[in-house]
Amino acid sequence: QVHLVESGGGLVQAGDSLRLSCAASGLPLNTMAWFRQAPGKGREFVARINQRGANIYYADSVKGRFTISRDTGVNTVYLQMNSLKLEDTAVYYCAGTRDYCFGCFAANSFDYWGQGTQVTVSS
């Protein structure tokens, strides 16, 4: 049994920063990722990291602004979001898989999901 719980979402202004957290419990997940889903759109890959904190990959839309990291000591994955834009508004989901997933960008590559946390960026 795996349980993922996101936190840290909220309402911020454009240009602000926000840090999301995803606390994992249960079986160890070797690849973790963040996805997001804006109203009326599909679930979009944001960033990915493996259990060793390597194999980090970002979507082009967030590269240079977002940073994914992982603290295995507390079994938590973070998403530091800087220079937020209006188009970053979405529900952000934490996802994980027990596989070492080197080329995973699709939502169906991940077996475990959190409930999501809302991020709203205003002008």
PDB file of N, CA and C in Angstrom:
ATOM      1  N   GLN A   1       0.850  -1.186   0.000  1.00  0.00           N
ATOM      2  CA  GLN A   1       0.000   0.000   0.000  1.00  0.00           C
ATOM      3  C   GLN A   1       0.887   1.238   0.000  1.00  0.00           C
ATOM      4  N   VAL A   2       0.588   2.158  -0.911  1.00  0.00           N
ATOM      5  CA  VAL A   2       1.335   3.405  -1.016  1.00  0.00           C
ATOM      6  C   VAL A   2       0.361   4.559  -0.846  1.00  0.00           C
ATOM      7  N   HIS A   3       0.820   5.551  -0.130  1.00  0.00           N
ATOM      8  CA  HIS A   3      -0.011   6.725   0.113  1.00  0.00           C
ATOM      9  C   HIS A   3       0.825   7.968  -0.164  1.00  0.00           C
ATOM     10  N   LEU A   4       0.316   8.849  -1.028  1.00  0.00           N
ATOM     11  CA  LEU A   4       1.004  10.096  -1.351  1.00  0.00           C
ATOM     12  C   LEU A   4       0.116  11.262  -0.942  1.00  0.00           C
ATOM     13  N   VAL A   5       0.697  12.210  -0.227  1.00  0.00           N
ATOM     14  CA  VAL A   5      -0.064  13.362   0.242  1.00  0.00           C
ATOM     15  C   VAL A   5       0.675  14.640  -0.134  1.00  0.00           C
ATOM     16  N   GLU A   6       0.053  15.448  -0.974  1.00  0.00           N
ATOM     17  CA  GLU A   6       0.641  16.724  -1.377  1.00  0.00           C
ATOM     18  C   GLU A   6       0.219  17.830  -0.411  1.00  0.00           C
ATOM     19  N   SER A   7       1.063  18.838  -0.324  1.00  0.00           N
ATOM     20  CA  SER A   7       0.741  20.030   0.448  1.00  0.00           C
ATOM     21  C   SER A   7       1.526  21.196  -0.130  1.00  0.00           C
ATOM     22  N   GLY A   8       1.132  22.402   0.279  1.00  0.00           N
ATOM     23  CA  GLY A   8       1.890  23.579  -0.107  1.00  0.00           C
ATOM     24  C   GLY A   8       1.264  24.443  -1.175  1.00  0.00           C
ATOM     25  N   GLY A   9       0.149  24.011  -1.732  1.00  0.00           N
ATOM     26  CA  GLY A   9      -0.500  24.833  -2.740  1.00  0.00           C
ATOM     27  C   GLY A   9      -1.113  26.087  -2.137  1.00  0.00           C
ATOM     28  N   GLY A  10      -1.552  26.979  -3.010  1.00  0.00           N
ATOM     29  CA  GLY A  10      -2.179  28.197  -2.525  1.00  0.00           C
ATOM     30  C   GLY A  10      -2.363  29.212  -3.618  1.00  0.00           C
ATOM     31  N   LEU A  11      -2.745  30.415  -3.207  1.00  0.00           N
ATOM     32  CA  LEU A  11      -2.955  31.536  -4.119  1.00  0.00           C
ATOM     33  C   LEU A  11      -1.777  32.492  -4.001  1.00  0.00           C
ATOM     34  N   VAL A  12      -1.114  32.746  -5.114  1.00  0.00           N
ATOM     35  CA  VAL A  12       0.033  33.649  -5.138  1.00  0.00           C
ATOM     36  C   VAL A  12      -0.087  34.582  -6.328  1.00  0.00           C
ATOM     37  N   GLN A  13       0.759  35.604  -6.344  1.00  0.00           N
ATOM     38  CA  GLN A  13       0.779  36.533  -7.469  1.00  0.00           C
ATOM     39  C   GLN A  13       1.858  36.117  -8.463  1.00  0.00           C
ATOM     40  N   ALA A  14       1.680  36.557  -9.693  1.00  0.00           N
ATOM     41  CA  ALA A  14       2.675  36.276 -10.714  1.00  0.00           C
ATOM     42  C   ALA A  14       4.041  36.796 -10.262  1.00  0.00           C
ATOM     43  N   GLY A  15       5.056  35.954 -10.453  1.00  0.00           N
ATOM     44  CA  GLY A  15       6.403  36.297 -10.035  1.00  0.00           C
ATOM     45  C   GLY A  15       6.781  35.757  -8.672  1.00  0.00           C
ATOM     46  N   ASP A  16       5.793  35.320  -7.903  1.00  0.00           N
ATOM     47  CA  ASP A  16       6.051  34.781  -6.573  1.00  0.00           C
ATOM     48  C   ASP A  16       6.597  33.359  -6.655  1.00  0.00           C
ATOM     49  N   SER A  17       6.937  32.826  -5.498  1.00  0.00           N
ATOM     50  CA  SER A  17       7.431  31.453  -5.382  1.00  0.00           C
ATOM     51  C   SER A  17       6.531  30.647  -4.463  1.00  0.00           C
ATOM     52  N   LEU A  18       6.598  29.333  -4.641  1.00  0.00           N
ATOM     53  CA  LEU A  18       5.802  28.413  -3.834  1.00  0.00           C
ATOM     54  C   LEU A  18       6.535  27.085  -3.814  1.00  0.00           C
ATOM     55  N   ARG A  19       6.474  26.375  -2.699  1.00  0.00           N
ATOM     56  CA  ARG A  19       7.089  25.045  -2.635  1.00  0.00           C
ATOM     57  C   ARG A  19       6.034  24.015  -2.294  1.00  0.00           C
ATOM     58  N   LEU A  20       5.914  23.035  -3.154  1.00  0.00           N
ATOM     59  CA  LEU A  20       5.012  21.921  -2.918  1.00  0.00           C
ATOM     60  C   LEU A  20       5.791  20.760  -2.297  1.00  0.00           C
ATOM     61  N   SER A  21       5.100  20.011  -1.449  1.00  0.00           N
ATOM     62  CA  SER A  21       5.680  18.822  -0.829  1.00  0.00           C
ATOM     63  C   SER A  21       4.786  17.626  -1.110  1.00  0.00           C
ATOM     64  N   CYS A  22       5.415  16.465  -1.211  1.00  0.00           N
ATOM     65  CA  CYS A  22       4.681  15.216  -1.386  1.00  0.00           C
ATOM     66  C   CYS A  22       5.277  14.195  -0.423  1.00  0.00           C
ATOM     67  N   ALA A  23       4.522  13.873   0.595  1.00  0.00           N
ATOM     68  CA  ALA A  23       4.971  12.891   1.579  1.00  0.00           C
ATOM     69  C   ALA A  23       4.488  11.513   1.164  1.00  0.00           C
ATOM     70  N   ALA A  24       5.426  10.573   1.082  1.00  0.00           N
ATOM     71  CA  ALA A  24       5.100   9.216   0.650  1.00  0.00           C
ATOM     72  C   ALA A  24       5.208   8.248   1.816  1.00  0.00           C
ATOM     73  N   SER A  25       4.323   7.292   1.850  1.00  0.00           N
ATOM     74  CA  SER A  25       4.398   6.234   2.855  1.00  0.00           C
ATOM     75  C   SER A  25       4.068   4.905   2.180  1.00  0.00           C
ATOM     76  N   GLY A  26       4.575   3.828   2.797  1.00  0.00           N
ATOM     77  CA  GLY A  26       4.341   2.514   2.224  1.00  0.00           C
ATOM     78  C   GLY A  26       5.555   2.027   1.457  1.00  0.00           C
ATOM     79  N   LEU A  27       5.342   1.379   0.358  1.00  0.00           N
ATOM     80  CA  LEU A  27       6.438   0.793  -0.423  1.00  0.00           C
ATOM     81  C   LEU A  27       7.328   1.890  -1.006  1.00  0.00           C
ATOM     82  N   PRO A  28       8.637   1.659  -1.097  1.00  0.00           N
ATOM     83  CA  PRO A  28       9.518   2.664  -1.683  1.00  0.00           C
ATOM     84  C   PRO A  28       9.235   2.860  -3.173  1.00  0.00           C
ATOM     85  N   LEU A  29       9.240   4.095  -3.600  1.00  0.00           N
ATOM     86  CA  LEU A  29       8.975   4.440  -4.997  1.00  0.00           C
ATOM     87  C   LEU A  29      10.267   4.950  -5.626  1.00  0.00           C
ATOM     88  N   ASN A  30      10.725   4.275  -6.650  1.00  0.00           N
ATOM     89  CA  ASN A  30      12.025   4.594  -7.226  1.00  0.00           C
ATOM     90  C   ASN A  30      11.992   5.783  -8.183  1.00  0.00           C
ATOM     91  N   THR A  31      10.855   6.085  -8.746  1.00  0.00           N
ATOM     92  CA  THR A  31      10.715   7.266  -9.591  1.00  0.00           C
ATOM     93  C   THR A  31       9.500   8.045  -9.121  1.00  0.00           C
ATOM     94  N   MET A  32       9.719   9.338  -8.896  1.00  0.00           N
ATOM     95  CA  MET A  32       8.650  10.222  -8.465  1.00  0.00           C
ATOM     96  C   MET A  32       8.538  11.364  -9.468  1.00  0.00           C
ATOM     97  N   ALA A  33       7.341  11.903  -9.578  1.00  0.00           N
ATOM     98  CA  ALA A  33       7.131  12.982 -10.544  1.00  0.00           C
ATOM     99  C   ALA A  33       6.034  13.910 -10.059  1.00  0.00           C
ATOM    100  N   TRP A  34       6.021  15.076 -10.666  1.00  0.00           N
ATOM    101  CA  TRP A  34       4.924  16.022 -10.499  1.00  0.00           C
ATOM    102  C   TRP A  34       4.240  16.198 -11.854  1.00  0.00           C
ATOM    103  N   PHE A  35       2.922  16.196 -11.801  1.00  0.00           N
ATOM    104  CA  PHE A  35       2.094  16.512 -12.950  1.00  0.00           C
ATOM    105  C   PHE A  35       1.172  17.664 -12.551  1.00  0.00           C
ATOM    106  N   ARG A  36       0.536  18.258 -13.542  1.00  0.00           N
ATOM    107  CA  ARG A  36      -0.449  19.294 -13.235  1.00  0.00           C
ATOM    108  C   ARG A  36      -1.586  19.210 -14.246  1.00  0.00           C
ATOM    109  N   GLN A  37      -2.722  19.702 -13.812  1.00  0.00           N
ATOM    110  CA  GLN A  37      -3.888  19.695 -14.687  1.00  0.00           C
ATOM    111  C   GLN A  37      -4.640  21.005 -14.515  1.00  0.00           C
ATOM    112  N   ALA A  38      -4.678  21.781 -15.586  1.00  0.00           N
ATOM    113  CA  ALA A  38      -5.418  23.030 -15.602  1.00  0.00           C
ATOM    114  C   ALA A  38      -6.863  22.753 -16.008  1.00  0.00           C
ATOM    115  N   PRO A  39      -7.771  23.650 -15.686  1.00  0.00           N
ATOM    116  CA  PRO A  39      -9.183  23.435 -16.048  1.00  0.00           C
ATOM    117  C   PRO A  39      -9.356  23.231 -17.548  1.00  0.00           C
ATOM    118  N   GLY A  40     -10.065  22.167 -17.895  1.00  0.00           N
ATOM    119  CA  GLY A  40     -10.346  21.886 -19.294  1.00  0.00           C
ATOM    120  C   GLY A  40      -9.196  21.274 -20.072  1.00  0.00           C
ATOM    121  N   LYS A  41      -8.093  20.954 -19.387  1.00  0.00           N
ATOM    122  CA  LYS A  41      -6.937  20.390 -20.076  1.00  0.00           C
ATOM    123  C   LYS A  41      -6.577  19.034 -19.494  1.00  0.00           C
ATOM    124  N   GLY A  42      -5.731  18.321 -20.208  1.00  0.00           N
ATOM    125  CA  GLY A  42      -5.267  17.024 -19.736  1.00  0.00           C
ATOM    126  C   GLY A  42      -4.180  17.153 -18.696  1.00  0.00           C
ATOM    127  N   ARG A  43      -3.817  16.037 -18.117  1.00  0.00           N
ATOM    128  CA  ARG A  43      -2.764  16.037 -17.104  1.00  0.00           C
ATOM    129  C   ARG A  43      -1.410  16.163 -17.802  1.00  0.00           C
ATOM    130  N   GLU A  44      -0.623  17.116 -17.348  1.00  0.00           N
ATOM    131  CA  GLU A  44       0.633  17.488 -17.999  1.00  0.00           C
ATOM    132  C   GLU A  44       1.823  17.159 -17.115  1.00  0.00           C
ATOM    133  N   PHE A  45       2.836  16.533 -17.697  1.00  0.00           N
ATOM    134  CA  PHE A  45       4.081  16.246 -16.979  1.00  0.00           C
ATOM    135  C   PHE A  45       4.783  17.553 -16.620  1.00  0.00           C
ATOM    136  N   VAL A  46       5.329  17.615 -15.405  1.00  0.00           N
ATOM    137  CA  VAL A  46       6.061  18.801 -14.955  1.00  0.00           C
ATOM    138  C   VAL A  46       7.534  18.467 -14.696  1.00  0.00           C
ATOM    139  N   ALA A  47       7.787  17.465 -13.858  1.00  0.00           N
ATOM    140  CA  ALA A  47       9.167  17.146 -13.498  1.00  0.00           C
ATOM    141  C   ALA A  47       9.243  15.729 -12.952  1.00  0.00           C
ATOM    142  N   ARG A  48      10.455  15.136 -13.014  1.00  0.00           N
ATOM    143  CA  ARG A  48      10.655  13.762 -12.586  1.00  0.00           C
ATOM    144  C   ARG A  48      12.001  13.620 -11.896  1.00  0.00           C
ATOM    145  N   ILE A  49      12.081  12.700 -10.917  1.00  0.00           N
ATOM    146  CA  ILE A  49      13.327  12.457 -10.189  1.00  0.00           C
ATOM    147  C   ILE A  49      13.335  10.999  -9.749  1.00  0.00           C
ATOM    148  N   ASN A  50      14.522  10.394  -9.675  1.00  0.00           N
ATOM    149  CA  ASN A  50      14.550   9.024  -9.200  1.00  0.00           C
ATOM    150  C   ASN A  50      14.948   8.963  -7.726  1.00  0.00           C
ATOM    151  N   GLN A  51      15.036   7.757  -7.202  1.00  0.00           N
ATOM    152  CA  GLN A  51      15.205   7.585  -5.765  1.00  0.00           C
ATOM    153  C   GLN A  51      16.538   8.123  -5.285  1.00  0.00           C
ATOM    154  N   ARG A  52      17.529   8.142  -6.167  1.00  0.00           N
ATOM    155  CA  ARG A  52      18.854   8.628  -5.783  1.00  0.00           C
ATOM    156  C   ARG A  52      18.967  10.138  -5.982  1.00  0.00           C
ATOM    157  N   GLY A  53      17.890  10.772  -6.392  1.00  0.00           N
ATOM    158  CA  GLY A  53      17.948  12.206  -6.652  1.00  0.00           C
ATOM    159  C   GLY A  53      18.543  12.541  -7.998  1.00  0.00           C
ATOM    160  N   ALA A  54      18.633  11.538  -8.859  1.00  0.00           N
ATOM    161  CA  ALA A  54      19.203  11.726 -10.190  1.00  0.00           C
ATOM    162  C   ALA A  54      18.108  11.552 -11.241  1.00  0.00           C
ATOM    163  N   ASN A  55      18.544  11.486 -12.503  1.00  0.00           N
ATOM    164  CA  ASN A  55      17.608  11.342 -13.625  1.00  0.00           C
ATOM    165  C   ASN A  55      16.509  12.393 -13.526  1.00  0.00           C
ATOM    166  N   ILE A  56      16.917  13.637 -13.303  1.00  0.00           N
ATOM    167  CA  ILE A  56      15.961  14.730 -13.170  1.00  0.00           C
ATOM    168  C   ILE A  56      15.634  15.274 -14.548  1.00  0.00           C
ATOM    169  N   TYR A  57      14.343  15.495 -14.761  1.00  0.00           N
ATOM    170  CA  TYR A  57      13.910  15.999 -16.057  1.00  0.00           C
ATOM    171  C   TYR A  57      12.734  16.941 -15.855  1.00  0.00           C
ATOM    172  N   TYR A  58      12.706  17.996 -16.664  1.00  0.00           N
ATOM    173  CA  TYR A  58      11.657  19.007 -16.554  1.00  0.00           C
ATOM    174  C   TYR A  58      10.951  19.203 -17.882  1.00  0.00           C
ATOM    175  N   ALA A  59       9.704  19.557 -17.810  1.00  0.00           N
ATOM    176  CA  ALA A  59       8.995  20.017 -18.996  1.00  0.00           C
ATOM    177  C   ALA A  59       9.588  21.354 -19.430  1.00  0.00           C
ATOM    178  N   ASP A  60       9.600  21.610 -20.713  1.00  0.00           N
ATOM    179  CA  ASP A  60      10.175  22.859 -21.218  1.00  0.00           C
ATOM    180  C   ASP A  60       9.492  24.076 -20.612  1.00  0.00           C
ATOM    181  N   SER A  61       8.215  23.954 -20.322  1.00  0.00           N
ATOM    182  CA  SER A  61       7.449  25.098 -19.825  1.00  0.00           C
ATOM    183  C   SER A  61       7.866  25.539 -18.430  1.00  0.00           C
ATOM    184  N   VAL A  62       8.574  24.679 -17.691  1.00  0.00           N
ATOM    185  CA  VAL A  62       8.971  25.028 -16.323  1.00  0.00           C
ATOM    186  C   VAL A  62      10.480  25.035 -16.134  1.00  0.00           C
ATOM    187  N   LYS A  63      11.206  24.631 -17.152  1.00  0.00           N
ATOM    188  CA  LYS A  63      12.669  24.545 -17.039  1.00  0.00           C
ATOM    189  C   LYS A  63      13.258  25.904 -16.695  1.00  0.00           C
ATOM    190  N   GLY A  64      14.149  25.915 -15.704  1.00  0.00           N
ATOM    191  CA  GLY A  64      14.770  27.162 -15.263  1.00  0.00           C
ATOM    192  C   GLY A  64      13.987  27.884 -14.192  1.00  0.00           C
ATOM    193  N   ARG A  65      12.747  27.480 -13.960  1.00  0.00           N
ATOM    194  CA  ARG A  65      11.915  28.125 -12.933  1.00  0.00           C
ATOM    195  C   ARG A  65      11.567  27.165 -11.798  1.00  0.00           C
ATOM    196  N   PHE A  66      11.372  25.900 -12.114  1.00  0.00           N
ATOM    197  CA  PHE A  66      10.995  24.906 -11.117  1.00  0.00           C
ATOM    198  C   PHE A  66      12.181  23.993 -10.811  1.00  0.00           C
ATOM    199  N   THR A  67      12.229  23.524  -9.575  1.00  0.00           N
ATOM    200  CA  THR A  67      13.262  22.575  -9.163  1.00  0.00           C
ATOM    201  C   THR A  67      12.617  21.441  -8.384  1.00  0.00           C
ATOM    202  N   ILE A  68      12.874  20.222  -8.824  1.00  0.00           N
ATOM    203  CA  ILE A  68      12.391  19.046  -8.100  1.00  0.00           C
ATOM    204  C   ILE A  68      13.524  18.495  -7.260  1.00  0.00           C
ATOM    205  N   SER A  69      13.190  18.061  -6.048  1.00  0.00           N
ATOM    206  CA  SER A  69      14.203  17.482  -5.177  1.00  0.00           C
ATOM    207  C   SER A  69      13.550  16.417  -4.313  1.00  0.00           C
ATOM    208  N   ARG A  70      14.406  15.656  -3.630  1.00  0.00           N
ATOM    209  CA  ARG A  70      13.885  14.520  -2.874  1.00  0.00           C
ATOM    210  C   ARG A  70      14.708  14.347  -1.619  1.00  0.00           C
ATOM    211  N   ASP A  71      14.036  14.166  -0.500  1.00  0.00           N
ATOM    212  CA  ASP A  71      14.681  13.869   0.772  1.00  0.00           C
ATOM    213  C   ASP A  71      14.262  12.466   1.176  1.00  0.00           C
ATOM    214  N   THR A  72      15.150  11.493   0.929  1.00  0.00           N
ATOM    215  CA  THR A  72      14.787  10.101   1.220  1.00  0.00           C
ATOM    216  C   THR A  72      14.686   9.860   2.721  1.00  0.00           C
ATOM    217  N   GLY A  73      15.327  10.690   3.521  1.00  0.00           N
ATOM    218  CA  GLY A  73      15.270  10.516   4.970  1.00  0.00           C
ATOM    219  C   GLY A  73      13.872  10.696   5.526  1.00  0.00           C
ATOM    220  N   VAL A  74      13.111  11.587   4.888  1.00  0.00           N
ATOM    221  CA  VAL A  74      11.730  11.803   5.319  1.00  0.00           C
ATOM    222  C   VAL A  74      10.748  11.378   4.236  1.00  0.00           C
ATOM    223  N   ASN A  75      11.275  10.706   3.212  1.00  0.00           N
ATOM    224  CA  ASN A  75      10.426  10.143   2.158  1.00  0.00           C
ATOM    225  C   ASN A  75       9.508  11.200   1.545  1.00  0.00           C
ATOM    226  N   THR A  76      10.106  12.321   1.181  1.00  0.00           N
ATOM    227  CA  THR A  76       9.332  13.445   0.666  1.00  0.00           C
ATOM    228  C   THR A  76       9.976  13.985  -0.605  1.00  0.00           C
ATOM    229  N   VAL A  77       9.128  14.336  -1.561  1.00  0.00           N
ATOM    230  CA  VAL A  77       9.563  14.974  -2.793  1.00  0.00           C
ATOM    231  C   VAL A  77       9.042  16.403  -2.791  1.00  0.00           C
ATOM    232  N   TYR A  78       9.864  17.316  -3.269  1.00  0.00           N
ATOM    233  CA  TYR A  78       9.500  18.729  -3.281  1.00  0.00           C
ATOM    234  C   TYR A  78       9.475  19.266  -4.706  1.00  0.00           C
ATOM    235  N   LEU A  79       8.705  20.304  -4.892  1.00  0.00           N
ATOM    236  CA  LEU A  79       8.730  21.059  -6.143  1.00  0.00           C
ATOM    237  C   LEU A  79       8.808  22.532  -5.777  1.00  0.00           C
ATOM    238  N   GLN A  80       9.993  23.100  -5.946  1.00  0.00           N
ATOM    239  CA  GLN A  80      10.178  24.523  -5.716  1.00  0.00           C
ATOM    240  C   GLN A  80       9.810  25.252  -6.989  1.00  0.00           C
ATOM    241  N   MET A  81       8.853  26.148  -6.905  1.00  0.00           N
ATOM    242  CA  MET A  81       8.351  26.860  -8.081  1.00  0.00           C
ATOM    243  C   MET A  81       8.650  28.343  -7.920  1.00  0.00           C
ATOM    244  N   ASN A  82       9.491  28.866  -8.776  1.00  0.00           N
ATOM    245  CA  ASN A  82       9.852  30.274  -8.753  1.00  0.00           C
ATOM    246  C   ASN A  82       9.318  30.977  -9.999  1.00  0.00           C
ATOM    247  N   SER A  83       9.258  32.296  -9.933  1.00  0.00           N
ATOM    248  CA  SER A  83       8.812  33.099 -11.076  1.00  0.00           C
ATOM    249  C   SER A  83       7.504  32.559 -11.664  1.00  0.00           C
ATOM    250  N   LEU A  84       6.554  32.356 -10.806  1.00  0.00           N
ATOM    251  CA  LEU A  84       5.297  31.744 -11.237  1.00  0.00           C
ATOM    252  C   LEU A  84       4.560  32.632 -12.229  1.00  0.00           C
ATOM    253  N   LYS A  85       3.928  31.974 -13.191  1.00  0.00           N
ATOM    254  CA  LYS A  85       3.172  32.666 -14.236  1.00  0.00           C
ATOM    255  C   LYS A  85       1.692  32.280 -14.131  1.00  0.00           C
ATOM    256  N   LEU A  86       0.869  33.096 -14.776  1.00  0.00           N
ATOM    257  CA  LEU A  86      -0.568  32.803 -14.764  1.00  0.00           C
ATOM    258  C   LEU A  86      -0.845  31.409 -15.294  1.00  0.00           C
ATOM    259  N   GLU A  87      -0.084  30.999 -16.299  1.00  0.00           N
ATOM    260  CA  GLU A  87      -0.326  29.707 -16.929  1.00  0.00           C
ATOM    261  C   GLU A  87       0.133  28.525 -16.080  1.00  0.00           C
ATOM    262  N   ASP A  88       0.738  28.800 -14.930  1.00  0.00           N
ATOM    263  CA  ASP A  88       1.087  27.717 -14.000  1.00  0.00           C
ATOM    264  C   ASP A  88      -0.094  27.325 -13.124  1.00  0.00           C
ATOM    265  N   THR A  89      -1.177  28.066 -13.220  1.00  0.00           N
ATOM    266  CA  THR A  89      -2.367  27.748 -12.440  1.00  0.00           C
ATOM    267  C   THR A  89      -2.894  26.377 -12.813  1.00  0.00           C
ATOM    268  N   ALA A  90      -3.023  25.501 -11.819  1.00  0.00           N
ATOM    269  CA  ALA A  90      -3.458  24.124 -12.056  1.00  0.00           C
ATOM    270  C   ALA A  90      -3.562  23.398 -10.726  1.00  0.00           C
ATOM    271  N   VAL A  91      -4.129  22.214 -10.786  1.00  0.00           N
ATOM    272  CA  VAL A  91      -4.012  21.280  -9.667  1.00  0.00           C
ATOM    273  C   VAL A  91      -2.739  20.478  -9.904  1.00  0.00           C
ATOM    274  N   TYR A  92      -1.878  20.438  -8.910  1.00  0.00           N
ATOM    275  CA  TYR A  92      -0.606  19.744  -9.017  1.00  0.00           C
ATOM    276  C   TYR A  92      -0.699  18.400  -8.290  1.00  0.00           C
ATOM    277  N   TYR A  93      -0.268  17.361  -9.007  1.00  0.00           N
ATOM    278  CA  TYR A  93      -0.334  16.005  -8.483  1.00  0.00           C
ATOM    279  C   TYR A  93       1.064  15.418  -8.347  1.00  0.00           C
ATOM    280  N   CYS A  94       1.260  14.716  -7.267  1.00  0.00           N
ATOM    281  CA  CYS A  94       2.460  13.920  -7.056  1.00  0.00           C
ATOM    282  C   CYS A  94       2.166  12.503  -7.554  1.00  0.00           C
ATOM    283  N   ALA A  95       3.141  11.892  -8.204  1.00  0.00           N
ATOM    284  CA  ALA A  95       2.960  10.542  -8.728  1.00  0.00           C
ATOM    285  C   ALA A  95       4.222   9.732  -8.497  1.00  0.00           C
ATOM    286  N   GLY A  96       4.066   8.417  -8.427  1.00  0.00           N
ATOM    287  CA  GLY A  96       5.224   7.567  -8.205  1.00  0.00           C
ATOM    288  C   GLY A  96       5.053   6.186  -8.813  1.00  0.00           C
ATOM    289  N   THR A  97       6.190   5.550  -9.031  1.00  0.00           N
ATOM    290  CA  THR A  97       6.202   4.176  -9.501  1.00  0.00           C
ATOM    291  C   THR A  97       7.373   3.445  -8.865  1.00  0.00           C
ATOM    292  N   ARG A  98       7.280   2.155  -8.691  1.00  0.00           N
ATOM    293  CA  ARG A  98       8.382   1.385  -8.120  1.00  0.00           C
ATOM    294  C   ARG A  98       9.458   1.125  -9.164  1.00  0.00           C
ATOM    295  N   ASP A  99       9.167   1.377 -10.432  1.00  0.00           N
ATOM    296  CA  ASP A  99      10.151   1.190 -11.490  1.00  0.00           C
ATOM    297  C   ASP A  99      11.158   2.339 -11.508  1.00  0.00           C
ATOM    298  N   TYR A 100      12.360   2.036 -11.998  1.00  0.00           N
ATOM    299  CA  TYR A 100      13.289   3.086 -12.368  1.00  0.00           C
ATOM    300  C   TYR A 100      12.925   3.467 -13.799  1.00  0.00           C
ATOM    301  N   CYS A 101      12.354   4.643 -13.943  1.00  0.00           N
ATOM    302  CA  CYS A 101      11.688   5.006 -15.185  1.00  0.00           C
ATOM    303  C   CYS A 101      12.467   6.129 -15.842  1.00  0.00           C
ATOM    304  N   PHE A 102      13.310   5.790 -16.824  1.00  0.00           N
ATOM    305  CA  PHE A 102      14.215   6.782 -17.386  1.00  0.00           C
ATOM    306  C   PHE A 102      13.581   7.659 -18.437  1.00  0.00           C
ATOM    307  N   GLY A 103      12.512   7.183 -19.029  1.00  0.00           N
ATOM    308  CA  GLY A 103      11.889   7.974 -20.086  1.00  0.00           C
ATOM    309  C   GLY A 103      10.420   8.189 -19.874  1.00  0.00           C
ATOM    310  N   CYS A 104      10.031   8.297 -18.612  1.00  0.00           N
ATOM    311  CA  CYS A 104       8.603   8.374 -18.301  1.00  0.00           C
ATOM    312  C   CYS A 104       8.130   9.815 -18.266  1.00  0.00           C
ATOM    313  N   PHE A 105       7.184  10.113 -19.130  1.00  0.00           N
ATOM    314  CA  PHE A 105       6.551  11.418 -19.142  1.00  0.00           C
ATOM    315  C   PHE A 105       5.030  11.303 -19.123  1.00  0.00           C
ATOM    316  N   ALA A 106       4.545  10.125 -19.421  1.00  0.00           N
ATOM    317  CA  ALA A 106       3.108   9.926 -19.499  1.00  0.00           C
ATOM    318  C   ALA A 106       2.539   9.566 -18.144  1.00  0.00           C
ATOM    319  N   ALA A 107       1.334  10.031 -17.901  1.00  0.00           N
ATOM    320  CA  ALA A 107       0.692   9.768 -16.617  1.00  0.00           C
ATOM    321  C   ALA A 107       0.506   8.280 -16.376  1.00  0.00           C
ATOM    322  N   ASN A 108       0.258   7.514 -17.427  1.00  0.00           N
ATOM    323  CA  ASN A 108       0.011   6.086 -17.238  1.00  0.00           C
ATOM    324  C   ASN A 108       1.278   5.294 -16.931  1.00  0.00           C
ATOM    325  N   SER A 109       2.425   5.957 -16.874  1.00  0.00           N
ATOM    326  CA  SER A 109       3.657   5.293 -16.439  1.00  0.00           C
ATOM    327  C   SER A 109       3.756   5.223 -14.925  1.00  0.00           C
ATOM    328  N   PHE A 110       2.907   5.946 -14.245  1.00  0.00           N
ATOM    329  CA  PHE A 110       2.969   6.047 -12.784  1.00  0.00           C
ATOM    330  C   PHE A 110       1.755   5.366 -12.164  1.00  0.00           C
ATOM    331  N   ASP A 111       2.029   4.594 -11.131  1.00  0.00           N
ATOM    332  CA  ASP A 111       1.005   3.746 -10.539  1.00  0.00           C
ATOM    333  C   ASP A 111       0.300   4.375  -9.344  1.00  0.00           C
ATOM    334  N   TYR A 112       0.963   5.309  -8.696  1.00  0.00           N
ATOM    335  CA  TYR A 112       0.446   5.857  -7.440  1.00  0.00           C
ATOM    336  C   TYR A 112       0.330   7.370  -7.573  1.00  0.00           C
ATOM    337  N   TRP A 113      -0.758   7.889  -7.036  1.00  0.00           N
ATOM    338  CA  TRP A 113      -1.063   9.316  -7.170  1.00  0.00           C
ATOM    339  C   TRP A 113      -1.562   9.894  -5.868  1.00  0.00           C
ATOM    340  N   GLY A 114      -1.227  11.162  -5.650  1.00  0.00           N
ATOM    341  CA  GLY A 114      -1.804  11.889  -4.545  1.00  0.00           C
ATOM    342  C   GLY A 114      -3.137  12.492  -4.941  1.00  0.00           C
ATOM    343  N   GLN A 115      -3.726  13.211  -3.995  1.00  0.00           N
ATOM    344  CA  GLN A 115      -5.061  13.770  -4.224  1.00  0.00           C
ATOM    345  C   GLN A 115      -5.008  15.114  -4.948  1.00  0.00           C
ATOM    346  N   GLY A 116      -3.827  15.711  -5.026  1.00  0.00           N
ATOM    347  CA  GLY A 116      -3.673  16.985  -5.723  1.00  0.00           C
ATOM    348  C   GLY A 116      -3.736  18.172  -4.783  1.00  0.00           C
ATOM    349  N   THR A 117      -3.045  19.239  -5.170  1.00  0.00           N
ATOM    350  CA  THR A 117      -3.078  20.489  -4.421  1.00  0.00           C
ATOM    351  C   THR A 117      -3.201  21.635  -5.424  1.00  0.00           C
ATOM    352  N   GLN A 118      -4.080  22.579  -5.128  1.00  0.00           N
ATOM    353  CA  GLN A 118      -4.376  23.662  -6.060  1.00  0.00           C
ATOM    354  C   GLN A 118      -3.324  24.753  -5.964  1.00  0.00           C
ATOM    355  N   VAL A 119      -2.826  25.171  -7.113  1.00  0.00           N
ATOM    356  CA  VAL A 119      -1.954  26.339  -7.209  1.00  0.00           C
ATOM    357  C   VAL A 119      -2.641  27.338  -8.125  1.00  0.00           C
ATOM    358  N   THR A 120      -2.865  28.527  -7.605  1.00  0.00           N
ATOM    359  CA  THR A 120      -3.514  29.578  -8.385  1.00  0.00           C
ATOM    360  C   THR A 120      -2.595  30.791  -8.416  1.00  0.00           C
ATOM    361  N   VAL A 121      -2.270  31.234  -9.617  1.00  0.00           N
ATOM    362  CA  VAL A 121      -1.404  32.396  -9.799  1.00  0.00           C
ATOM    363  C   VAL A 121      -2.250  33.530 -10.366  1.00  0.00           C
ATOM    364  N   SER A 122      -2.261  34.639  -9.666  1.00  0.00           N
ATOM    365  CA  SER A 122      -3.052  35.785 -10.097  1.00  0.00           C
ATOM    366  C   SER A 122      -2.151  36.915 -10.582  1.00  0.00           C
ATOM    367  N   SER A 123      -2.729  37.809 -11.343  1.00  0.00           N
ATOM    368  CA  SER A 123      -1.944  38.928 -11.890  1.00  0.00           C
ATOM    369  C   SER A 123      -1.895  40.095 -10.926  1.00  0.00           C
TER     370      SER A 123
END
